PDB file of all heavy atoms in Angstrom:
ATOM      1  N   ASN A   1      19.033  21.463 -11.127  1.00  0.00           N
ATOM      2  CA  ASN A   1      20.404  21.021 -10.728  1.00  0.00           C
ATOM      3  C   ASN A   1      21.153  20.321 -11.862  1.00  0.00           C
ATOM      4  O   ASN A   1      22.162  19.626 -11.627  1.00  0.00           O
ATOM      5  CB  ASN A   1      20.290  20.083  -9.490  1.00  0.00           C
ATOM      6  CG  ASN A   1      19.944  20.838  -8.231  1.00  0.00           C
ATOM      7  OD1 ASN A   1      20.810  21.431  -7.596  1.00  0.00           O
ATOM      8  ND2 ASN A   1      18.669  20.860  -7.844  1.00  0.00           N
ATOM      9  N   ASP A   2      20.619  20.482 -13.098  1.00  0.00           N
ATOM     10  CA  ASP A   2      21.231  19.953 -14.293  1.00  0.00           C
ATOM     11  C   ASP A   2      21.475  18.449 -14.193  1.00  0.00           C
ATOM     12  O   ASP A   2      22.563  17.910 -14.541  1.00  0.00           O
ATOM     13  CB  ASP A   2      22.545  20.647 -14.574  1.00  0.00           C
ATOM     14  CG  ASP A   2      22.398  22.131 -14.857  1.00  0.00           C
ATOM     15  OD1 ASP A   2      21.414  22.476 -15.568  1.00  0.00           O
ATOM     16  OD2 ASP A   2      23.184  22.929 -14.342  1.00  0.00           O
ATOM     17  N   LEU A   3      20.453  17.721 -13.708  1.00  0.00           N
ATOM     18  CA  LEU A   3      20.550  16.288 -13.544  1.00  0.00           C
ATOM     19  C   LEU A   3      19.665  15.607 -14.583  1.00  0.00           C
ATOM     20  O   LEU A   3      18.624  16.103 -14.962  1.00  0.00           O
ATOM     21  CB  LEU A   3      20.096  15.866 -12.163  1.00  0.00           C
ATOM     22  CG  LEU A   3      20.889  16.380 -10.972  1.00  0.00           C
ATOM     23  CD1 LEU A   3      20.148  16.108  -9.690  1.00  0.00           C
ATOM     24  CD2 LEU A   3      22.295  15.781 -10.923  1.00  0.00           C
ATOM     25  N   VAL A   4      20.129  14.434 -15.090  1.00  0.00           N
ATOM     26  CA  VAL A   4      19.312  13.556 -15.922  1.00  0.00           C
ATOM     27  C   VAL A   4      19.185  12.216 -15.252  1.00  0.00           C
ATOM     28  O   VAL A   4      19.851  11.961 -14.236  1.00  0.00           O
ATOM     29  CB  VAL A   4      19.908  13.430 -17.341  1.00  0.00           C
ATOM     30  CG1 VAL A   4      19.946  14.787 -18.044  1.00  0.00           C
ATOM     31  CG2 VAL A   4      21.324  12.798 -17.276  1.00  0.00           C
ATOM     32  N   GLY A   5      18.323  11.343 -15.813  1.00  0.00           N
ATOM     33  CA  GLY A   5      18.081  10.086 -15.189  1.00  0.00           C
ATOM     34  C   GLY A   5      19.320   9.241 -14.925  1.00  0.00           C
ATOM     35  O   GLY A   5      19.412   8.584 -13.904  1.00  0.00           O
ATOM     36  N   ASP A   6      20.268   9.309 -15.805  1.00  0.00           N
ATOM     37  CA  ASP A   6      21.498   8.518 -15.643  1.00  0.00           C
ATOM     38  C   ASP A   6      22.365   8.961 -14.464  1.00  0.00           C
ATOM     39  O   ASP A   6      23.165   8.183 -13.989  1.00  0.00           O
ATOM     40  CB  ASP A   6      22.351   8.592 -16.926  1.00  0.00           C
ATOM     41  CG  ASP A   6      21.773   7.792 -18.066  1.00  0.00           C
ATOM     42  OD1 ASP A   6      20.896   6.940 -17.825  1.00  0.00           O
ATOM     43  OD2 ASP A   6      22.133   8.035 -19.199  1.00  0.00           O
ATOM     44  N   ASP A   7      22.164  10.198 -14.038  1.00  0.00           N
ATOM     45  CA  ASP A   7      22.935  10.754 -12.906  1.00  0.00           C
ATOM     46  C   ASP A   7      22.464  10.210 -11.564  1.00  0.00           C
ATOM     47  O   ASP A   7      23.205  10.191 -10.585  1.00  0.00           O
ATOM     48  CB  ASP A   7      22.848  12.275 -12.842  1.00  0.00           C
ATOM     49  CG  ASP A   7      23.465  12.945 -14.078  1.00  0.00           C
ATOM     50  OD1 ASP A   7      24.409  12.389 -14.607  1.00  0.00           O
ATOM     51  OD2 ASP A   7      22.901  13.955 -14.551  1.00  0.00           O
ATOM     52  N   ILE A   8      21.189   9.774 -11.527  1.00  0.00           N
ATOM     53  CA  ILE A   8      20.567   9.400 -10.283  1.00  0.00           C
ATOM     54  C   ILE A   8      20.791   7.985  -9.912  1.00  0.00           C
ATOM     55  O   ILE A   8      20.582   7.069 -10.719  1.00  0.00           O
ATOM     56  CB  ILE A   8      19.032   9.713 -10.335  1.00  0.00           C
ATOM     57  CG1 ILE A   8      18.750  11.153 -10.729  1.00  0.00           C
ATOM     58  CG2 ILE A   8      18.333   9.394  -9.013  1.00  0.00           C
ATOM     59  CD1 ILE A   8      19.378  12.153  -9.876  1.00  0.00           C
ATOM     60  N   ARG A   9      21.244   7.725  -8.669  1.00  0.00           N
ATOM     61  CA  ARG A   9      21.403   6.350  -8.200  1.00  0.00           C
ATOM     62  C   ARG A   9      20.062   5.799  -7.779  1.00  0.00           C
ATOM     63  O   ARG A   9      19.712   4.638  -8.128  1.00  0.00           O
ATOM     64  CB  ARG A   9      22.371   6.310  -7.029  1.00  0.00           C
ATOM     65  CG  ARG A   9      22.518   4.905  -6.405  1.00  0.00           C
ATOM     66  CD  ARG A   9      23.161   3.938  -7.357  1.00  0.00           C
ATOM     67  NE  ARG A   9      23.250   2.600  -6.789  1.00  0.00           N
ATOM     68  CZ  ARG A   9      22.425   1.613  -7.012  1.00  0.00           C
ATOM     69  NH1 ARG A   9      21.420   1.820  -7.809  1.00  0.00           N
ATOM     70  NH2 ARG A   9      22.585   0.419  -6.480  1.00  0.00           N
ATOM     71  N   PHE A  10      19.270   6.570  -7.048  1.00  0.00           N
ATOM     72  CA  PHE A  10      17.967   6.111  -6.599  1.00  0.00           C
ATOM     73  C   PHE A  10      16.979   7.225  -6.508  1.00  0.00           C
ATOM     74  O   PHE A  10      17.363   8.355  -6.065  1.00  0.00           O
ATOM     75  CB  PHE A  10      18.043   5.438  -5.204  1.00  0.00           C
ATOM     76  CG  PHE A  10      18.462   3.996  -5.170  1.00  0.00           C
ATOM     77  CD1 PHE A  10      19.701   3.661  -4.641  1.00  0.00           C
ATOM     78  CD2 PHE A  10      17.639   3.029  -5.735  1.00  0.00           C
ATOM     79  CE1 PHE A  10      20.115   2.348  -4.612  1.00  0.00           C
ATOM     80  CE2 PHE A  10      18.086   1.724  -5.710  1.00  0.00           C
ATOM     81  CZ  PHE A  10      19.272   1.357  -5.198  1.00  0.00           C
ATOM     82  N   LEU A  11      15.739   6.963  -6.874  1.00  0.00           N
ATOM     83  CA  LEU A  11      14.617   7.804  -6.492  1.00  0.00           C
ATOM     84  C   LEU A  11      14.076   7.240  -5.139  1.00  0.00           C
ATOM     85  O   LEU A  11      13.912   6.016  -5.078  1.00  0.00           O
ATOM     86  CB  LEU A  11      13.481   7.740  -7.569  1.00  0.00           C
ATOM     87  CG  LEU A  11      12.102   8.240  -7.138  1.00  0.00           C
ATOM     88  CD1 LEU A  11      12.135   9.731  -6.797  1.00  0.00           C
ATOM     89  CD2 LEU A  11      11.071   7.940  -8.210  1.00  0.00           C
ATOM     90  N   VAL A  12      13.879   8.077  -4.165  1.00  0.00           N
ATOM     91  CA  VAL A  12      13.371   7.639  -2.867  1.00  0.00           C
ATOM     92  C   VAL A  12      11.993   8.234  -2.699  1.00  0.00           C
ATOM     93  O   VAL A  12      11.857   9.359  -2.151  1.00  0.00           O
ATOM     94  CB  VAL A  12      14.306   8.055  -1.704  1.00  0.00           C
ATOM     95  CG1 VAL A  12      13.913   7.336  -0.426  1.00  0.00           C
ATOM     96  CG2 VAL A  12      15.783   7.776  -2.107  1.00  0.00           C
ATOM     97  N   PRO A  13      10.928   7.585  -3.130  1.00  0.00           N
ATOM     98  CA  PRO A  13       9.617   8.189  -3.120  1.00  0.00           C
ATOM     99  C   PRO A  13       8.847   7.823  -1.879  1.00  0.00           C
ATOM    100  O   PRO A  13       9.017   6.755  -1.306  1.00  0.00           O
ATOM    101  CB  PRO A  13       8.965   7.575  -4.381  1.00  0.00           C
ATOM    102  CG  PRO A  13       9.553   6.203  -4.464  1.00  0.00           C
ATOM    103  CD  PRO A  13      10.948   6.303  -3.871  1.00  0.00           C
ATOM    104  N   HIS A  14       7.928   8.711  -1.507  1.00  0.00           N
ATOM    105  CA  HIS A  14       6.924   8.358  -0.484  1.00  0.00           C
ATOM    106  C   HIS A  14       6.131   7.131  -0.975  1.00  0.00           C
ATOM    107  O   HIS A  14       5.725   7.053  -2.100  1.00  0.00           O
ATOM    108  CB  HIS A  14       5.980   9.532  -0.282  1.00  0.00           C
ATOM    109  CG  HIS A  14       4.811   9.208   0.566  1.00  0.00           C
ATOM    110  ND1 HIS A  14       4.887   8.637   1.803  1.00  0.00           N
ATOM    111  CD2 HIS A  14       3.468   9.348   0.328  1.00  0.00           C
ATOM    112  CE1 HIS A  14       3.700   8.468   2.291  1.00  0.00           C
ATOM    113  NE2 HIS A  14       2.817   8.857   1.431  1.00  0.00           N
ATOM    114  N   GLN A  15       5.963   6.197  -0.064  1.00  0.00           N
ATOM    115  CA  GLN A  15       5.334   4.938  -0.372  1.00  0.00           C
ATOM    116  C   GLN A  15       3.830   4.950  -0.113  1.00  0.00           C
ATOM    117  O   GLN A  15       3.322   4.409   0.897  1.00  0.00           O
ATOM    118  CB  GLN A  15       6.004   3.806   0.429  1.00  0.00           C
ATOM    119  CG  GLN A  15       7.501   3.756   0.339  1.00  0.00           C
ATOM    120  CD  GLN A  15       7.983   3.214  -0.982  1.00  0.00           C
ATOM    121  OE1 GLN A  15       7.728   2.101  -1.394  1.00  0.00           O
ATOM    122  NE2 GLN A  15       8.819   4.069  -1.705  1.00  0.00           N
ATOM    123  N   ALA A  16       3.106   5.614  -1.021  1.00  0.00           N
ATOM    124  CA  ALA A  16       1.626   5.702  -0.854  1.00  0.00           C
ATOM    125  C   ALA A  16       0.904   4.779  -1.825  1.00  0.00           C
ATOM    126  O   ALA A  16      -0.098   4.158  -1.420  1.00  0.00           O
ATOM    127  CB  ALA A  16       1.174   7.140  -1.078  1.00  0.00           C
ATOM    128  N   ASN A  17       1.389   4.706  -3.043  1.00  0.00           N
ATOM    129  CA  ASN A  17       0.725   3.910  -4.051  1.00  0.00           C
ATOM    130  C   ASN A  17       1.741   3.636  -5.190  1.00  0.00           C
ATOM    131  O   ASN A  17       2.419   4.517  -5.646  1.00  0.00           O
ATOM    132  CB  ASN A  17      -0.462   4.749  -4.599  1.00  0.00           C
ATOM    133  CG  ASN A  17      -1.250   4.034  -5.658  1.00  0.00           C
ATOM    134  OD1 ASN A  17      -0.761   3.648  -6.712  1.00  0.00           O
ATOM    135  ND2 ASN A  17      -2.511   3.760  -5.362  1.00  0.00           N
ATOM    136  N   LYS A  18       1.837   2.382  -5.521  1.00  0.00           N
ATOM    137  CA  LYS A  18       2.830   1.962  -6.564  1.00  0.00           C
ATOM    138  C   LYS A  18       2.623   2.702  -7.856  1.00  0.00           C
ATOM    139  O   LYS A  18       3.551   3.041  -8.542  1.00  0.00           O
ATOM    140  CB  LYS A  18       2.718   0.431  -6.771  1.00  0.00           C
ATOM    141  CG  LYS A  18       3.584  -0.148  -7.864  1.00  0.00           C
ATOM    142  CD  LYS A  18       5.043  -0.291  -7.413  1.00  0.00           C
ATOM    143  CE  LYS A  18       5.865  -1.187  -8.278  1.00  0.00           C
ATOM    144  NZ  LYS A  18       5.760  -1.003  -9.722  1.00  0.00           N
ATOM    145  N   ARG A  19       1.392   2.996  -8.259  1.00  0.00           N
ATOM    146  CA  ARG A  19       1.112   3.652  -9.507  1.00  0.00           C
ATOM    147  C   ARG A  19       1.628   5.095  -9.474  1.00  0.00           C
ATOM    148  O   ARG A  19       2.140   5.644 -10.519  1.00  0.00           O
ATOM    149  CB  ARG A  19      -0.356   3.577  -9.857  1.00  0.00           C
ATOM    150  CG  ARG A  19      -0.862   2.175 -10.176  1.00  0.00           C
ATOM    151  CD  ARG A  19      -2.300   2.156 -10.614  1.00  0.00           C
ATOM    152  NE  ARG A  19      -3.226   2.543  -9.529  1.00  0.00           N
ATOM    153  CZ  ARG A  19      -4.519   2.723  -9.662  1.00  0.00           C
ATOM    154  NH1 ARG A  19      -5.099   2.569 -10.844  1.00  0.00           N
ATOM    155  NH2 ARG A  19      -5.276   3.055  -8.600  1.00  0.00           N
ATOM    156  N   ILE A  20       1.502   5.733  -8.353  1.00  0.00           N
ATOM    157  CA  ILE A  20       2.032   7.113  -8.189  1.00  0.00           C
ATOM    158  C   ILE A  20       3.559   7.102  -8.293  1.00  0.00           C
ATOM    159  O   ILE A  20       4.178   7.969  -8.934  1.00  0.00           O
ATOM    160  CB  ILE A  20       1.607   7.732  -6.857  1.00  0.00           C
ATOM    161  CG1 ILE A  20       0.046   7.936  -6.853  1.00  0.00           C
ATOM    162  CG2 ILE A  20       2.299   9.108  -6.635  1.00  0.00           C
ATOM    163  CD1 ILE A  20      -0.477   8.385  -5.551  1.00  0.00           C
ATOM    164  N   ILE A  21       4.185   6.123  -7.678  1.00  0.00           N
ATOM    165  CA  ILE A  21       5.635   5.968  -7.693  1.00  0.00           C
ATOM    166  C   ILE A  21       6.122   5.727  -9.136  1.00  0.00           C
ATOM    167  O   ILE A  21       7.055   6.321  -9.615  1.00  0.00           O
ATOM    168  CB  ILE A  21       6.061   4.787  -6.777  1.00  0.00           C
ATOM    169  CG1 ILE A  21       5.809   5.177  -5.315  1.00  0.00           C
ATOM    170  CG2 ILE A  21       7.543   4.502  -6.979  1.00  0.00           C
ATOM    171  CD1 ILE A  21       5.992   4.000  -4.383  1.00  0.00           C
ATOM    172  N   ASP A  22       5.419   4.856  -9.876  1.00  0.00           N
ATOM    173  CA  ASP A  22       5.788   4.555 -11.249  1.00  0.00           C
ATOM    174  C   ASP A  22       5.683   5.825 -12.151  1.00  0.00           C
ATOM    175  O   ASP A  22       6.531   6.048 -12.983  1.00  0.00           O
ATOM    176  CB  ASP A  22       4.909   3.452 -11.798  1.00  0.00           C
ATOM    177  CG  ASP A  22       5.153   2.069 -11.188  1.00  0.00           C
ATOM    178  OD1 ASP A  22       6.182   1.928 -10.611  1.00  0.00           O
ATOM    179  OD2 ASP A  22       4.287   1.213 -11.346  1.00  0.00           O
ATOM    180  N   ALA A  23       4.658   6.598 -11.938  1.00  0.00           N
ATOM    181  CA  ALA A  23       4.451   7.824 -12.740  1.00  0.00           C
ATOM    182  C   ALA A  23       5.554   8.836 -12.442  1.00  0.00           C
ATOM    183  O   ALA A  23       6.015   9.475 -13.399  1.00  0.00           O
ATOM    184  CB  ALA A  23       3.053   8.444 -12.400  1.00  0.00           C
ATOM    185  N   THR A  24       5.964   8.929 -11.197  1.00  0.00           N
ATOM    186  CA  THR A  24       7.024   9.856 -10.851  1.00  0.00           C
ATOM    187  C   THR A  24       8.388   9.415 -11.485  1.00  0.00           C
ATOM    188  O   THR A  24       9.082  10.248 -12.067  1.00  0.00           O
ATOM    189  CB  THR A  24       7.222   9.908  -9.313  1.00  0.00           C
ATOM    190  OG1 THR A  24       5.970  10.362  -8.753  1.00  0.00           O
ATOM    191  CG2 THR A  24       8.310  10.912  -8.904  1.00  0.00           C
ATOM    192  N   ALA A  25       8.704   8.099 -11.413  1.00  0.00           N
ATOM    193  CA  ALA A  25       9.929   7.610 -12.031  1.00  0.00           C
ATOM    194  C   ALA A  25       9.902   7.816 -13.479  1.00  0.00           C
ATOM    195  O   ALA A  25      10.941   8.176 -14.119  1.00  0.00           O
ATOM    196  CB  ALA A  25      10.057   6.125 -11.656  1.00  0.00           C
ATOM    197  N   SER A  26       8.793   7.580 -14.161  1.00  0.00           N
ATOM    198  CA  SER A  26       8.664   7.750 -15.602  1.00  0.00           C
ATOM    199  C   SER A  26       8.920   9.197 -16.017  1.00  0.00           C
ATOM    200  O   SER A  26       9.646   9.467 -17.006  1.00  0.00           O
ATOM    201  CB  SER A  26       7.300   7.308 -16.054  1.00  0.00           C
ATOM    202  OG  SER A  26       7.129   7.556 -17.462  1.00  0.00           O
ATOM    203  N   ARG A  27       8.367  10.142 -15.294  1.00  0.00           N
ATOM    204  CA  ARG A  27       8.576  11.549 -15.581  1.00  0.00           C
ATOM    205  C   ARG A  27      10.065  11.958 -15.418  1.00  0.00           C
ATOM    206  O   ARG A  27      10.546  12.835 -16.129  1.00  0.00           O
ATOM    207  CB  ARG A  27       7.696  12.397 -14.639  1.00  0.00           C
ATOM    208  CG  ARG A  27       7.865  13.886 -14.742  1.00  0.00           C
ATOM    209  CD  ARG A  27       7.299  14.420 -16.052  1.00  0.00           C
ATOM    210  NE  ARG A  27       7.673  15.817 -16.269  1.00  0.00           N
ATOM    211  CZ  ARG A  27       7.076  16.841 -15.681  1.00  0.00           C
ATOM    212  NH1 ARG A  27       6.052  16.669 -14.807  1.00  0.00           N
ATOM    213  NH2 ARG A  27       7.478  18.052 -15.921  1.00  0.00           N
ATOM    214  N   MET A  28      10.754  11.296 -14.520  1.00  0.00           N
ATOM    215  CA  MET A  28      12.150  11.612 -14.254  1.00  0.00           C
ATOM    216  C   MET A  28      13.061  10.870 -15.189  1.00  0.00           C
ATOM    217  O   MET A  28      14.282  11.108 -15.175  1.00  0.00           O
ATOM    218  CB  MET A  28      12.469  11.248 -12.783  1.00  0.00           C
ATOM    219  CG  MET A  28      11.734  12.130 -11.769  1.00  0.00           C
ATOM    220  SD  MET A  28      11.988  11.427 -10.081  1.00  0.00           S
ATOM    221  CE  MET A  28      13.735  11.603  -9.887  1.00  0.00           C
ATOM    222  N   GLY A  29      12.550   9.935 -15.996  1.00  0.00           N
ATOM    223  CA  GLY A  29      13.401   9.132 -16.856  1.00  0.00           C
ATOM    224  C   GLY A  29      14.212   8.132 -16.104  1.00  0.00           C
ATOM    225  O   GLY A  29      15.351   7.831 -16.530  1.00  0.00           O
ATOM    226  N   ILE A  30      13.645   7.536 -15.019  1.00  0.00           N
ATOM    227  CA  ILE A  30      14.367   6.624 -14.167  1.00  0.00           C
ATOM    228  C   ILE A  30      13.653   5.220 -14.264  1.00  0.00           C
ATOM    229  O   ILE A  30      12.426   5.148 -14.162  1.00  0.00           O
ATOM    230  CB  ILE A  30      14.367   7.085 -12.761  1.00  0.00           C
ATOM    231  CG1 ILE A  30      15.311   8.307 -12.622  1.00  0.00           C
ATOM    232  CG2 ILE A  30      14.847   5.984 -11.828  1.00  0.00           C
ATOM    233  CD1 ILE A  30      15.324   8.899 -11.265  1.00  0.00           C
ATOM    234  N   GLY A  31      14.432   4.187 -14.488  1.00  0.00           N
ATOM    235  CA  GLY A  31      13.861   2.787 -14.528  1.00  0.00           C
ATOM    236  C   GLY A  31      13.600   2.258 -13.156  1.00  0.00           C
ATOM    237  O   GLY A  31      14.012   2.760 -12.154  1.00  0.00           O
ATOM    238  N   GLU A  32      12.812   1.156 -13.160  1.00  0.00           N
ATOM    239  CA  GLU A  32      12.393   0.543 -11.913  1.00  0.00           C
ATOM    240  C   GLU A  32      13.595   0.109 -11.027  1.00  0.00           C
ATOM    241  O   GLU A  32      13.494   0.135  -9.809  1.00  0.00           O
ATOM    242  CB  GLU A  32      11.541  -0.712 -12.181  1.00  0.00           C
ATOM    243  CG  GLU A  32      10.146  -0.407 -12.684  1.00  0.00           C
ATOM    244  CD  GLU A  32       9.305  -1.636 -12.745  1.00  0.00           C
ATOM    245  OE1 GLU A  32       9.841  -2.760 -12.471  1.00  0.00           O
ATOM    246  OE2 GLU A  32       8.159  -1.542 -13.132  1.00  0.00           O
ATOM    247  N   GLU A  33      14.685  -0.212 -11.658  1.00  0.00           N
ATOM    248  CA  GLU A  33      15.857  -0.653 -10.882  1.00  0.00           C
ATOM    249  C   GLU A  33      16.490   0.449 -10.033  1.00  0.00           C
ATOM    250  O   GLU A  33      17.299   0.221  -9.145  1.00  0.00           O
ATOM    251  CB  GLU A  33      16.915  -1.256 -11.818  1.00  0.00           C
ATOM    252  CG  GLU A  33      17.703  -0.245 -12.694  1.00  0.00           C
ATOM    253  CD  GLU A  33      16.928   0.319 -13.873  1.00  0.00           C
ATOM    254  OE1 GLU A  33      15.798  -0.145 -14.086  1.00  0.00           O
ATOM    255  OE2 GLU A  33      17.518   1.189 -14.590  1.00  0.00           O
ATOM    256  N   LYS A  34      16.043   1.714 -10.301  1.00  0.00           N
ATOM    257  CA  LYS A  34      16.586   2.866  -9.570  1.00  0.00           C
ATOM    258  C   LYS A  34      15.543   3.452  -8.677  1.00  0.00           C
ATOM    259  O   LYS A  34      15.671   4.584  -8.204  1.00  0.00           O
ATOM    260  CB  LYS A  34      17.061   3.975 -10.541  1.00  0.00           C
ATOM    261  CG  LYS A  34      18.333   3.583 -11.292  1.00  0.00           C
ATOM    262  CD  LYS A  34      18.824   4.786 -12.086  1.00  0.00           C
ATOM    263  CE  LYS A  34      20.151   4.515 -12.708  1.00  0.00           C
ATOM    264  NZ  LYS A  34      20.703   5.703 -13.403  1.00  0.00           N
ATOM    265  N   VAL A  35      14.481   2.683  -8.312  1.00  0.00           N
ATOM    266  CA  VAL A  35      13.434   3.197  -7.427  1.00  0.00           C
ATOM    267  C   VAL A  35      13.446   2.409  -6.170  1.00  0.00           C
ATOM    268  O   VAL A  35      13.297   1.164  -6.154  1.00  0.00           O
ATOM    269  CB  VAL A  35      12.058   3.078  -8.130  1.00  0.00           C
ATOM    270  CG1 VAL A  35      10.984   3.557  -7.164  1.00  0.00           C
ATOM    271  CG2 VAL A  35      12.026   3.866  -9.419  1.00  0.00           C
ATOM    272  N   MET A  36      13.595   3.055  -4.999  1.00  0.00           N
ATOM    273  CA  MET A  36      13.472   2.384  -3.731  1.00  0.00           C
ATOM    274  C   MET A  36      11.988   2.045  -3.470  1.00  0.00           C
ATOM    275  O   MET A  36      11.135   2.905  -3.579  1.00  0.00           O
ATOM    276  CB  MET A  36      13.973   3.254  -2.573  1.00  0.00           C
ATOM    277  CG  MET A  36      15.478   3.474  -2.591  1.00  0.00           C
ATOM    278  SD  MET A  36      16.044   4.230  -1.021  1.00  0.00           S
ATOM    279  CE  MET A  36      17.784   4.458  -1.406  1.00  0.00           C
ATOM    280  N   LEU A  37      11.726   0.767  -3.149  1.00  0.00           N
ATOM    281  CA  LEU A  37      10.369   0.327  -2.974  1.00  0.00           C
ATOM    282  C   LEU A  37      10.259  -0.653  -1.813  1.00  0.00           C
ATOM    283  O   LEU A  37      10.903  -1.660  -1.790  1.00  0.00           O
ATOM    284  CB  LEU A  37       9.907  -0.368  -4.277  1.00  0.00           C
ATOM    285  CG  LEU A  37       8.407  -0.558  -4.423  1.00  0.00           C
ATOM    286  CD1 LEU A  37       7.669   0.769  -4.624  1.00  0.00           C
ATOM    287  CD2 LEU A  37       8.149  -1.548  -5.623  1.00  0.00           C
ATOM    288  N   ASN A  38       9.426  -0.328  -0.832  1.00  0.00           N
ATOM    289  CA  ASN A  38       9.101  -1.267   0.239  1.00  0.00           C
ATOM    290  C   ASN A  38       7.662  -1.214   0.648  1.00  0.00           C
ATOM    291  O   ASN A  38       7.286  -1.725   1.689  1.00  0.00           O
ATOM    292  CB  ASN A  38      10.008  -1.073   1.433  1.00  0.00           C
ATOM    293  CG  ASN A  38       9.931   0.326   2.041  1.00  0.00           C
ATOM    294  OD1 ASN A  38       8.986   1.079   1.787  1.00  0.00           O
ATOM    295  ND2 ASN A  38      10.900   0.651   2.848  1.00  0.00           N
ATOM    296  N   ILE A  39       6.834  -0.536  -0.211  1.00  0.00           N
ATOM    297  CA  ILE A  39       5.415  -0.431   0.064  1.00  0.00           C
ATOM    298  C   ILE A  39       4.737  -1.812   0.216  1.00  0.00           C
ATOM    299  O   ILE A  39       3.765  -1.942   0.969  1.00  0.00           O
ATOM    300  CB  ILE A  39       4.732   0.396  -1.023  1.00  0.00           C
ATOM    301  CG1 ILE A  39       3.258   0.759  -0.624  1.00  0.00           C
ATOM    302  CG2 ILE A  39       4.753  -0.323  -2.376  1.00  0.00           C
ATOM    303  CD1 ILE A  39       2.538   1.686  -1.562  1.00  0.00           C
ATOM    304  N   GLN A  40       5.279  -2.788  -0.469  1.00  0.00           N
ATOM    305  CA  GLN A  40       4.691  -4.116  -0.442  1.00  0.00           C
ATOM    306  C   GLN A  40       4.696  -4.721   0.967  1.00  0.00           C
ATOM    307  O   GLN A  40       3.819  -5.532   1.325  1.00  0.00           O
ATOM    308  CB  GLN A  40       5.392  -5.046  -1.425  1.00  0.00           C
ATOM    309  CG  GLN A  40       6.793  -5.457  -1.086  1.00  0.00           C
ATOM    310  CD  GLN A  40       7.843  -4.424  -1.404  1.00  0.00           C
ATOM    311  OE1 GLN A  40       7.501  -3.325  -1.876  1.00  0.00           O
ATOM    312  NE2 GLN A  40       9.085  -4.725  -1.201  1.00  0.00           N
ATOM    313  N   LYS A  41       5.663  -4.374   1.779  1.00  0.00           N
ATOM    314  CA  LYS A  41       5.736  -4.985   3.130  1.00  0.00           C
ATOM    315  C   LYS A  41       5.406  -4.067   4.276  1.00  0.00           C
ATOM    316  O   LYS A  41       5.145  -4.502   5.385  1.00  0.00           O
ATOM    317  CB  LYS A  41       7.156  -5.571   3.332  1.00  0.00           C
ATOM    318  CG  LYS A  41       8.303  -4.576   3.222  1.00  0.00           C
ATOM    319  CD  LYS A  41       9.621  -5.300   3.421  1.00  0.00           C
ATOM    320  CE  LYS A  41      10.804  -4.392   3.332  1.00  0.00           C
ATOM    321  NZ  LYS A  41      12.066  -5.048   3.561  1.00  0.00           N
ATOM    322  N   TYR A  42       5.343  -2.710   4.027  1.00  0.00           N
ATOM    323  CA  TYR A  42       5.043  -1.764   5.155  1.00  0.00           C
ATOM    324  C   TYR A  42       3.775  -0.965   4.871  1.00  0.00           C
ATOM    325  O   TYR A  42       3.288  -0.345   5.807  1.00  0.00           O
ATOM    326  CB  TYR A  42       6.217  -0.799   5.318  1.00  0.00           C
ATOM    327  CG  TYR A  42       7.545  -1.443   5.708  1.00  0.00           C
ATOM    328  CD1 TYR A  42       8.737  -0.929   5.219  1.00  0.00           C
ATOM    329  CD2 TYR A  42       7.574  -2.546   6.534  1.00  0.00           C
ATOM    330  CE1 TYR A  42       9.960  -1.510   5.554  1.00  0.00           C
ATOM    331  CE2 TYR A  42       8.792  -3.130   6.916  1.00  0.00           C
ATOM    332  CZ  TYR A  42       9.985  -2.590   6.395  1.00  0.00           C
ATOM    333  OH  TYR A  42      11.160  -3.144   6.691  1.00  0.00           O
ATOM    334  N   GLY A  43       3.342  -0.901   3.666  1.00  0.00           N
ATOM    335  CA  GLY A  43       2.200   0.024   3.338  1.00  0.00           C
ATOM    336  C   GLY A  43       2.652   1.440   3.480  1.00  0.00           C
ATOM    337  O   GLY A  43       3.844   1.777   3.361  1.00  0.00           O
ATOM    338  N   ASN A  44       1.676   2.332   3.702  1.00  0.00           N
ATOM    339  CA  ASN A  44       1.970   3.778   3.834  1.00  0.00           C
ATOM    340  C   ASN A  44       2.113   4.106   5.302  1.00  0.00           C
ATOM    341  O   ASN A  44       1.162   4.112   6.058  1.00  0.00           O
ATOM    342  CB  ASN A  44       0.818   4.609   3.221  1.00  0.00           C
ATOM    343  CG  ASN A  44       1.040   6.089   3.288  1.00  0.00           C
ATOM    344  OD1 ASN A  44       1.994   6.554   3.943  1.00  0.00           O
ATOM    345  ND2 ASN A  44       0.194   6.876   2.629  1.00  0.00           N
ATOM    346  N   THR A  45       3.334   4.390   5.717  1.00  0.00           N
ATOM    347  CA  THR A  45       3.644   4.725   7.122  1.00  0.00           C
ATOM    348  C   THR A  45       3.796   6.236   7.292  1.00  0.00           C
ATOM    349  O   THR A  45       4.374   6.716   8.250  1.00  0.00           O
ATOM    350  CB  THR A  45       4.908   4.019   7.596  1.00  0.00           C
ATOM    351  OG1 THR A  45       6.002   4.331   6.695  1.00  0.00           O
ATOM    352  CG2 THR A  45       4.706   2.522   7.672  1.00  0.00           C
ATOM    353  N   THR A  46       3.236   7.000   6.331  1.00  0.00           N
ATOM    354  CA  THR A  46       3.129   8.465   6.382  1.00  0.00           C
ATOM    355  C   THR A  46       4.561   9.082   6.522  1.00  0.00           C
ATOM    356  O   THR A  46       5.310   8.966   5.591  1.00  0.00           O
ATOM    357  CB  THR A  46       2.195   8.908   7.498  1.00  0.00           C
ATOM    358  OG1 THR A  46       0.911   8.240   7.233  1.00  0.00           O
ATOM    359  CG2 THR A  46       1.895  10.390   7.442  1.00  0.00           C
TER     360      THR A  46
END
């Protein structure tokens, strides 16, 4: 879709493991400030 990291407002990842989320964001060229994260308070709700 001809998108780069700067085009993306947020990555909305499945909340299974923070390290998996970090790896996905890194591959996409997206910083932590653009990653939706609530695993700390809900865990993995599938």
